[in-house]
N, C-alpha and C. Protein backbone atom coordinates (compact mmCIF):
# COMPACT_ATOMS: atom_id res chain seq x y z
N UNK A 1 35.42 81.46 54.08
CA UNK A 1 36.63 81.96 53.83
C UNK A 1 36.45 82.85 52.38
N UNK A 2 37.18 83.81 52.40
CA UNK A 2 37.22 85.02 51.54
C UNK A 2 38.40 85.39 51.27
N UNK A 3 39.24 85.43 52.54
CA UNK A 3 40.75 85.94 52.13
C UNK A 3 41.79 85.01 52.23
N UNK A 4 41.90 84.78 50.86
CA UNK A 4 43.14 84.21 50.44
C UNK A 4 44.47 84.82 49.29
N UNK A 5 45.30 85.01 50.24
CA UNK A 5 46.41 85.21 49.24
C UNK A 5 47.43 84.60 48.69
N UNK A 6 47.68 84.62 47.33
CA UNK A 6 48.97 83.72 46.94
C UNK A 6 50.20 84.21 46.18
N UNK A 7 51.02 83.73 46.91
CA UNK A 7 52.63 84.63 46.21
C UNK A 7 52.74 83.88 44.70
N UNK A 8 52.57 84.30 43.99
CA UNK A 8 52.44 83.56 42.57
C UNK A 8 53.81 84.10 41.48
N UNK A 9 54.19 82.70 40.97
CA UNK A 9 54.76 83.07 39.73
C UNK A 9 53.72 82.44 38.43
N UNK A 10 53.47 82.95 37.24
CA UNK A 10 52.94 82.51 36.41
C UNK A 10 53.65 81.59 35.82
N UNK A 11 54.92 81.51 35.40
CA UNK A 11 55.63 80.55 35.10
C UNK A 11 55.81 78.91 35.67
N UNK A 12 55.61 79.29 37.02
CA UNK A 12 55.68 78.10 37.51
C UNK A 12 54.63 77.18 37.20
N UNK A 13 54.77 75.86 36.81
CA UNK A 13 53.81 74.88 36.92
C UNK A 13 52.88 74.71 38.36
N UNK A 14 53.89 74.55 39.21
CA UNK A 14 53.42 74.29 40.84
C UNK A 14 52.54 75.60 41.17
N UNK A 15 52.75 76.64 40.46
CA UNK A 15 52.29 77.84 41.16
C UNK A 15 50.85 77.80 40.24
N UNK A 16 50.72 77.59 39.22
CA UNK A 16 49.67 77.59 38.25
C UNK A 16 48.74 76.60 39.15
N UNK A 17 49.11 75.75 39.30
CA UNK A 17 48.19 74.54 39.85
C UNK A 17 47.57 74.94 41.25
N UNK A 18 48.50 75.51 41.96
CA UNK A 18 47.67 76.29 43.45
C UNK A 18 46.58 76.94 43.18
N UNK A 19 47.22 77.82 42.01
CA UNK A 19 45.92 78.77 41.64
C UNK A 19 44.89 78.30 41.36
N UNK A 20 44.70 77.24 40.87
CA UNK A 20 43.92 76.36 39.90
C UNK A 20 42.93 75.77 41.20
N UNK A 21 43.67 75.44 42.25
CA UNK A 21 42.80 74.71 43.38
C UNK A 21 42.08 75.59 44.13
N UNK A 22 43.11 76.70 44.32
CA UNK A 22 42.11 78.13 44.97
C UNK A 22 40.57 78.27 44.11
N UNK A 23 40.73 78.40 42.71
CA UNK A 23 39.55 78.92 42.19
C UNK A 23 38.85 77.37 42.30
N UNK A 24 39.18 76.51 42.36
CA UNK A 24 38.18 75.48 42.27
C UNK A 24 37.29 75.17 43.58
N UNK A 25 37.88 75.76 44.54
CA UNK A 25 37.17 75.83 45.88
C UNK A 25 36.45 77.19 45.66
N UNK A 26 35.86 77.92 44.84
CA UNK A 26 35.24 78.79 44.64
C UNK A 26 35.74 79.90 45.28
N UNK A 27 36.88 80.30 45.36
CA UNK A 27 37.54 81.68 45.86
C UNK A 27 38.32 82.08 45.25
N UNK A 28 38.34 83.50 44.92
CA UNK A 28 38.86 84.23 43.95
C UNK A 28 40.32 84.92 45.00
N UNK A 29 41.27 84.64 44.94
CA UNK A 29 42.73 85.07 45.79
C UNK A 29 42.58 86.44 45.38
N UNK A 30 43.52 87.05 46.46
CA UNK A 30 44.73 88.04 46.29
C UNK A 30 45.84 87.64 45.43
N UNK A 31 46.30 87.55 44.54
CA UNK A 31 47.43 87.25 43.53
C UNK A 31 48.63 88.45 43.84
N UNK A 32 49.40 87.93 44.65
CA UNK A 32 50.67 88.76 44.57
C UNK A 32 51.44 88.36 43.23
N UNK A 33 52.23 88.90 42.45
CA UNK A 33 53.37 88.48 41.47
C UNK A 33 54.28 88.86 41.87
N UNK A 34 55.15 88.41 43.13
CA UNK A 34 55.91 88.87 43.85
C UNK A 34 57.49 88.69 43.35
N UNK A 35 57.29 88.72 41.92
CA UNK A 35 58.57 88.88 40.97
C UNK A 35 58.83 90.50 40.72
N UNK A 36 57.29 90.75 40.35
CA UNK A 36 57.19 92.29 39.69
C UNK A 36 56.98 92.93 41.23
N UNK A 37 55.93 92.49 42.08
CA UNK A 37 55.91 93.49 43.36
C UNK A 37 56.12 92.74 44.47
N UNK A 38 57.63 92.59 44.99
CA UNK A 38 58.09 91.62 46.04
C UNK A 38 57.05 92.23 47.33
N UNK A 39 57.32 91.54 48.25
CA UNK A 39 56.77 92.01 49.94
C UNK A 39 57.84 92.94 50.34
N UNK A 40 57.70 93.72 51.23
CA UNK A 40 58.58 94.33 51.83
C UNK A 40 59.30 93.67 52.84
N UNK A 41 60.19 94.14 53.56
CA UNK A 41 61.02 93.45 54.51
C UNK A 41 60.05 92.70 55.41
N UNK A 42 59.15 93.69 55.90
CA UNK A 42 58.57 93.74 57.20
C UNK A 42 57.32 92.42 56.95
N UNK A 43 56.49 92.73 55.92
CA UNK A 43 55.69 91.81 55.13
C UNK A 43 56.11 90.31 55.17
N UNK A 44 57.53 90.32 54.91
CA UNK A 44 58.33 89.15 54.61
C UNK A 44 58.77 88.46 55.88
N UNK A 45 58.98 89.37 56.55
CA UNK A 45 58.94 88.62 57.94
C UNK A 45 57.98 88.29 58.53
N UNK A 46 57.01 88.92 58.59
CA UNK A 46 55.54 88.34 59.04
C UNK A 46 55.30 87.50 58.42
N UNK A 47 55.35 87.33 57.02
CA UNK A 47 54.85 85.96 56.24
C UNK A 47 55.46 84.81 57.18
N UNK A 48 56.98 84.70 56.98
CA UNK A 48 57.77 83.66 57.73
C UNK A 48 56.74 83.25 58.95
N UNK A 49 57.18 84.39 59.66
CA UNK A 49 56.61 83.97 61.00
C UNK A 49 55.34 83.32 61.03
N UNK A 50 54.26 83.97 60.11
CA UNK A 50 52.91 82.87 60.03
C UNK A 50 53.17 81.83 59.89
N UNK A 51 54.30 81.63 58.98
CA UNK A 51 54.33 80.13 58.44
C UNK A 51 54.84 79.30 59.38
N UNK A 52 55.54 79.79 60.21
CA UNK A 52 56.74 79.11 61.41
C UNK A 52 57.45 78.25 60.93
N UNK A 53 58.00 78.81 60.00
CA UNK A 53 59.09 77.91 59.57
C UNK A 53 60.55 78.60 59.60
N UNK A 54 61.71 78.06 59.62
CA UNK A 54 62.72 79.05 59.38
C UNK A 54 62.90 79.74 57.88
N UNK A 55 63.63 80.84 58.04
CA UNK A 55 63.76 81.30 56.75
C UNK A 55 64.41 80.71 55.63
N UNK A 56 65.34 79.51 55.96
CA UNK A 56 66.13 78.84 54.97
C UNK A 56 65.25 77.88 54.34
N UNK A 57 64.14 77.64 54.86
CA UNK A 57 63.00 76.75 54.18
C UNK A 57 62.21 77.58 53.37
N UNK A 58 62.15 78.52 53.03
CA UNK A 58 61.55 78.94 51.78
C UNK A 58 62.44 79.60 50.79
N UNK A 59 63.87 79.45 51.07
CA UNK A 59 64.83 79.61 49.90
C UNK A 59 64.85 79.04 48.81
N UNK A 60 64.65 79.19 47.50
CA UNK A 60 64.60 78.59 46.27
C UNK A 60 66.13 78.87 45.65
N UNK A 61 66.64 77.29 45.25
CA UNK A 61 68.08 77.15 44.78
C UNK A 61 68.06 77.37 43.40
N UNK A 62 67.40 76.13 42.91
CA UNK A 62 67.56 76.00 41.33
C UNK A 62 66.74 77.41 40.55
N UNK A 63 67.52 77.40 39.76
CA UNK A 63 67.36 78.91 38.52
C UNK A 63 67.70 80.11 39.30
N UNK A 64 68.27 80.36 40.45
CA UNK A 64 68.61 81.47 41.21
C UNK A 64 70.03 81.76 41.46
N UNK A 65 70.40 83.00 42.08
CA UNK A 65 71.58 83.05 42.48
C UNK A 65 71.83 82.47 43.91
N UNK A 66 71.15 81.20 44.46
CA UNK A 66 71.77 80.97 45.70
C UNK A 66 72.97 80.47 45.99
N UNK A 67 73.56 79.88 45.10
CA UNK A 67 74.81 79.39 44.93
C UNK A 67 76.19 80.44 45.05
N UNK A 68 75.83 81.67 44.13
CA UNK A 68 76.29 82.57 43.71
C UNK A 68 76.75 83.42 45.30
N UNK A 69 75.66 83.44 45.43
CA UNK A 69 75.56 84.16 47.00
C UNK A 69 76.20 83.38 48.29
N UNK A 70 76.22 82.36 48.15
CA UNK A 70 76.88 81.50 49.38
C UNK A 70 75.79 81.41 50.06
N UNK A 71 74.59 81.18 50.01
CA UNK A 71 73.45 80.78 50.77
C UNK A 71 73.38 79.56 51.62
N UNK A 72 74.19 78.33 50.77
CA UNK A 72 74.11 77.44 51.83
C UNK A 72 74.87 77.14 52.95
N UNK A 73 75.78 78.65 53.03
CA UNK A 73 76.56 78.59 54.42
C UNK A 73 75.85 78.94 55.27
N UNK A 74 75.61 77.90 56.35
CA UNK A 74 74.95 77.44 57.62
C UNK A 74 74.98 78.65 58.71
N UNK A 75 76.42 79.73 58.42
CA UNK A 75 76.52 80.83 59.14
C UNK A 75 75.64 81.52 58.75
N UNK A 76 74.98 81.79 57.86
CA UNK A 76 74.55 83.13 57.50
C UNK A 76 73.14 83.30 58.14
N UNK A 77 73.25 84.46 58.40
CA UNK A 77 71.96 84.72 59.68
C UNK A 77 70.74 84.80 58.78
N UNK A 78 69.44 84.79 59.87
CA UNK A 78 68.41 85.12 58.91
C UNK A 78 68.14 86.41 58.30
N UNK A 79 69.05 87.43 58.99
CA UNK A 79 68.53 88.91 58.70
C UNK A 79 69.55 88.58 57.25
N UNK A 80 70.74 88.01 57.31
CA UNK A 80 71.19 87.91 55.83
C UNK A 80 70.87 86.95 54.73
N UNK A 81 69.68 86.36 55.24
CA UNK A 81 69.18 85.75 54.14
C UNK A 81 67.81 86.39 53.73
N UNK A 82 67.64 87.22 54.64
CA UNK A 82 65.90 88.13 54.25
C UNK A 82 66.77 89.18 53.25
N UNK A 83 67.81 89.46 53.64
CA UNK A 83 68.54 90.51 52.65
C UNK A 83 68.54 90.26 51.12
N UNK A 84 69.15 89.00 51.07
CA UNK A 84 69.38 88.07 49.91
C UNK A 84 67.90 88.34 49.11
N UNK A 85 67.31 87.77 49.87
CA UNK A 85 65.42 87.73 48.94
C UNK A 85 65.08 88.90 48.74
N UNK A 86 65.56 89.98 49.66
CA UNK A 86 64.78 91.30 49.56
C UNK A 86 65.60 92.12 48.01
N UNK A 87 66.88 91.51 47.81
CA UNK A 87 67.85 91.64 47.02
C UNK A 87 67.42 90.81 45.59
N UNK A 88 67.16 90.04 45.84
CA UNK A 88 66.71 88.64 44.27
C UNK A 88 65.45 87.99 44.97
N UNK A 89 64.26 88.69 44.41
CA UNK A 89 63.00 88.17 44.89
C UNK A 89 62.73 86.43 44.35
N UNK A 90 63.36 85.94 43.06
CA UNK A 90 63.39 84.79 42.57
C UNK A 90 63.91 83.76 43.87
N UNK A 91 64.83 84.13 44.67
CA UNK A 91 64.85 83.22 46.06
C UNK A 91 63.72 83.05 46.73
N UNK A 92 62.53 83.44 46.53
CA UNK A 92 61.70 82.95 47.65
C UNK A 92 61.08 82.19 46.79
N UNK A 93 60.96 80.86 47.26
CA UNK A 93 60.23 80.02 46.94
C UNK A 93 58.59 80.01 46.96
N UNK A 94 58.04 79.37 46.03
CA UNK A 94 56.60 79.58 45.69
C UNK A 94 55.72 78.36 45.02
N UNK A 95 54.52 78.13 45.12
CA UNK A 95 54.04 79.38 45.68
C UNK A 95 53.73 79.39 47.46
N UNK A 96 53.44 80.31 47.87
CA UNK A 96 53.05 80.49 49.23
C UNK A 96 51.64 81.29 49.44
N UNK A 97 50.85 80.16 50.07
CA UNK A 97 49.40 80.49 50.04
C UNK A 97 49.13 81.10 51.98
N UNK A 98 48.16 82.22 51.70
CA UNK A 98 47.70 82.69 53.18
C UNK A 98 46.42 82.71 53.37
N UNK A 99 45.70 82.22 54.19
CA UNK A 99 44.56 81.91 54.32
C UNK A 99 43.85 81.95 55.78
N UNK A 100 42.86 81.83 56.20
CA UNK A 100 42.06 82.15 57.40
C UNK A 100 43.04 80.63 58.41
N UNK A 101 42.93 79.92 57.58
CA UNK A 101 43.47 78.36 58.06
C UNK A 101 44.79 78.55 58.21
N UNK A 102 45.90 79.67 57.82
CA UNK A 102 47.39 79.73 58.33
C UNK A 102 47.98 80.19 56.93
N UNK A 103 49.19 79.55 56.87
CA UNK A 103 50.09 80.18 55.65
C UNK A 103 51.34 78.98 55.53
N UNK A 104 51.61 78.62 54.04
CA UNK A 104 52.15 77.82 53.63
C UNK A 104 52.97 77.72 52.54
N UNK A 105 54.22 77.22 52.52
CA UNK A 105 54.58 77.10 50.84
C UNK A 105 54.01 75.52 50.21
N UNK A 106 53.40 75.97 49.36
CA UNK A 106 52.38 74.93 48.72
C UNK A 106 53.21 73.57 47.62
N UNK A 107 54.39 73.42 48.45
CA UNK A 107 54.74 72.55 47.47
C UNK A 107 54.65 71.05 47.92
N UNK A 108 54.23 70.10 47.38
CA UNK A 108 53.51 70.02 46.43
C UNK A 108 52.19 70.56 46.30
N UNK A 109 51.73 70.90 45.18
CA UNK A 109 50.50 71.63 45.23
C UNK A 109 49.26 71.44 45.71
N UNK A 110 49.09 70.14 45.99
CA UNK A 110 47.93 69.52 46.89
C UNK A 110 48.30 70.29 48.80
N UNK A 111 48.94 70.40 49.04
CA UNK A 111 49.33 71.18 50.36
C UNK A 111 48.53 72.00 50.49
N UNK A 112 47.92 72.95 49.21
CA UNK A 112 46.83 74.09 49.72
C UNK A 112 45.71 73.59 49.84
N UNK A 113 45.38 72.32 49.86
CA UNK A 113 44.08 71.71 50.16
C UNK A 113 43.61 71.94 51.61
N UNK A 114 45.02 72.03 52.55
CA UNK A 114 44.80 72.28 53.85
C UNK A 114 44.27 73.75 54.09
N UNK A 115 44.51 74.37 53.59
CA UNK A 115 44.13 76.03 53.44
C UNK A 115 42.92 76.58 52.88
N UNK A 116 42.50 75.68 52.46
CA UNK A 116 41.03 75.65 51.72
C UNK A 116 39.59 75.90 52.46
N UNK A 117 38.37 76.10 51.97
CA UNK A 117 37.33 75.15 52.07
C UNK A 117 37.22 74.40 50.64
N UNK A 118 36.24 73.13 50.83
CA UNK A 118 36.18 72.35 50.26
C UNK A 118 35.93 72.88 48.37
N UNK A 119 36.49 71.48 47.66
CA UNK A 119 36.58 71.82 46.53
C UNK A 119 35.31 71.72 45.98
N UNK A 120 35.18 72.59 44.70
CA UNK A 120 33.54 72.58 44.33
C UNK A 120 33.63 71.04 43.13
N UNK A 121 34.59 70.63 42.62
CA UNK A 121 34.17 69.66 41.93
C UNK A 121 35.89 68.95 41.50
N UNK A 122 36.05 68.32 40.48
CA UNK A 122 37.14 67.48 39.84
C UNK A 122 38.25 68.58 39.89
N UNK A 123 39.76 68.16 39.80
CA UNK A 123 40.87 69.20 39.33
C UNK A 123 41.87 68.00 38.99
N UNK A 124 42.47 68.45 38.34
CA UNK A 124 43.70 67.63 37.60
C UNK A 124 44.71 68.82 37.50
N UNK A 125 46.22 68.45 37.94
CA UNK A 125 47.10 68.77 37.78
C UNK A 125 47.61 69.39 35.93
N UNK A 126 48.39 69.73 35.78
CA UNK A 126 48.69 70.39 34.33
C UNK A 126 49.19 69.02 33.71
N UNK A 127 49.88 68.38 34.21
CA UNK A 127 50.22 66.83 33.92
C UNK A 127 49.51 66.11 33.72
N UNK A 128 47.77 66.26 34.56
CA UNK A 128 47.02 65.30 34.36
C UNK A 128 46.89 64.57 35.45
N UNK A 129 47.52 64.62 36.09
CA UNK A 129 47.69 63.81 37.74
C UNK A 129 46.28 64.24 38.53
N UNK A 130 45.32 63.51 38.43
CA UNK A 130 44.00 64.01 39.61
C UNK A 130 44.28 64.09 40.35
N UNK A 131 43.70 65.36 41.64
CA UNK A 131 44.23 65.89 42.41
C UNK A 131 42.80 65.88 43.31
N UNK A 132 41.48 66.04 42.87
CA UNK A 132 40.31 66.19 43.48
C UNK A 132 39.59 65.77 42.50
N UNK A 133 38.59 64.51 43.23
CA UNK A 133 37.72 63.68 42.21
C UNK A 133 36.49 64.62 42.27
N UNK A 134 35.39 64.32 41.34
CA UNK A 134 34.10 64.39 41.04
C UNK A 134 33.47 65.14 42.03
N UNK A 135 33.80 64.46 43.24
CA UNK A 135 32.74 64.70 44.29
C UNK A 135 33.49 65.97 45.11
N UNK A 136 34.60 66.48 44.71
CA UNK A 136 35.30 67.41 45.41
C UNK A 136 36.53 67.02 46.84
N UNK A 137 36.42 65.77 46.47
CA UNK A 137 37.41 64.97 47.47
C UNK A 137 38.86 65.03 47.05
N UNK A 138 40.18 64.91 47.89
CA UNK A 138 40.97 64.94 47.68
C UNK A 138 41.25 63.46 47.34
N UNK A 139 41.91 63.30 46.19
CA UNK A 139 42.68 62.25 45.88
C UNK A 139 43.83 61.62 46.56
N UNK A 140 43.87 60.37 47.24
CA UNK A 140 44.92 59.74 47.95
C UNK A 140 46.15 59.42 47.27
């Protein structure tokens, strides 16, 4: 596996942990700083389709204009939600990872392990929580 892409926000601890787990698997990912270079509408639609989730499931509420834009309204269509993400990329939750094994929003960060080859060694999150042991196995 060599093709891994992370839609990354370096200011986000979960996103930094996911990037660390990708690198701990010996993979150098394509890093998309989506706040600086957001995906095109077509790329975003394809990404959501690949994830197999509703558009609403990738919306971030905290620290975004979610409430001001009335995005909690269930009458909002997928097209309207995508329009909002296109206008305000901060609304796209992170990190989203795409690999040969699929695509998903990796919250919590250890969710990325399902998309990666075996880990090369131990890994702990920034808060010290052990996620992978010294032999590269997921800590349950």
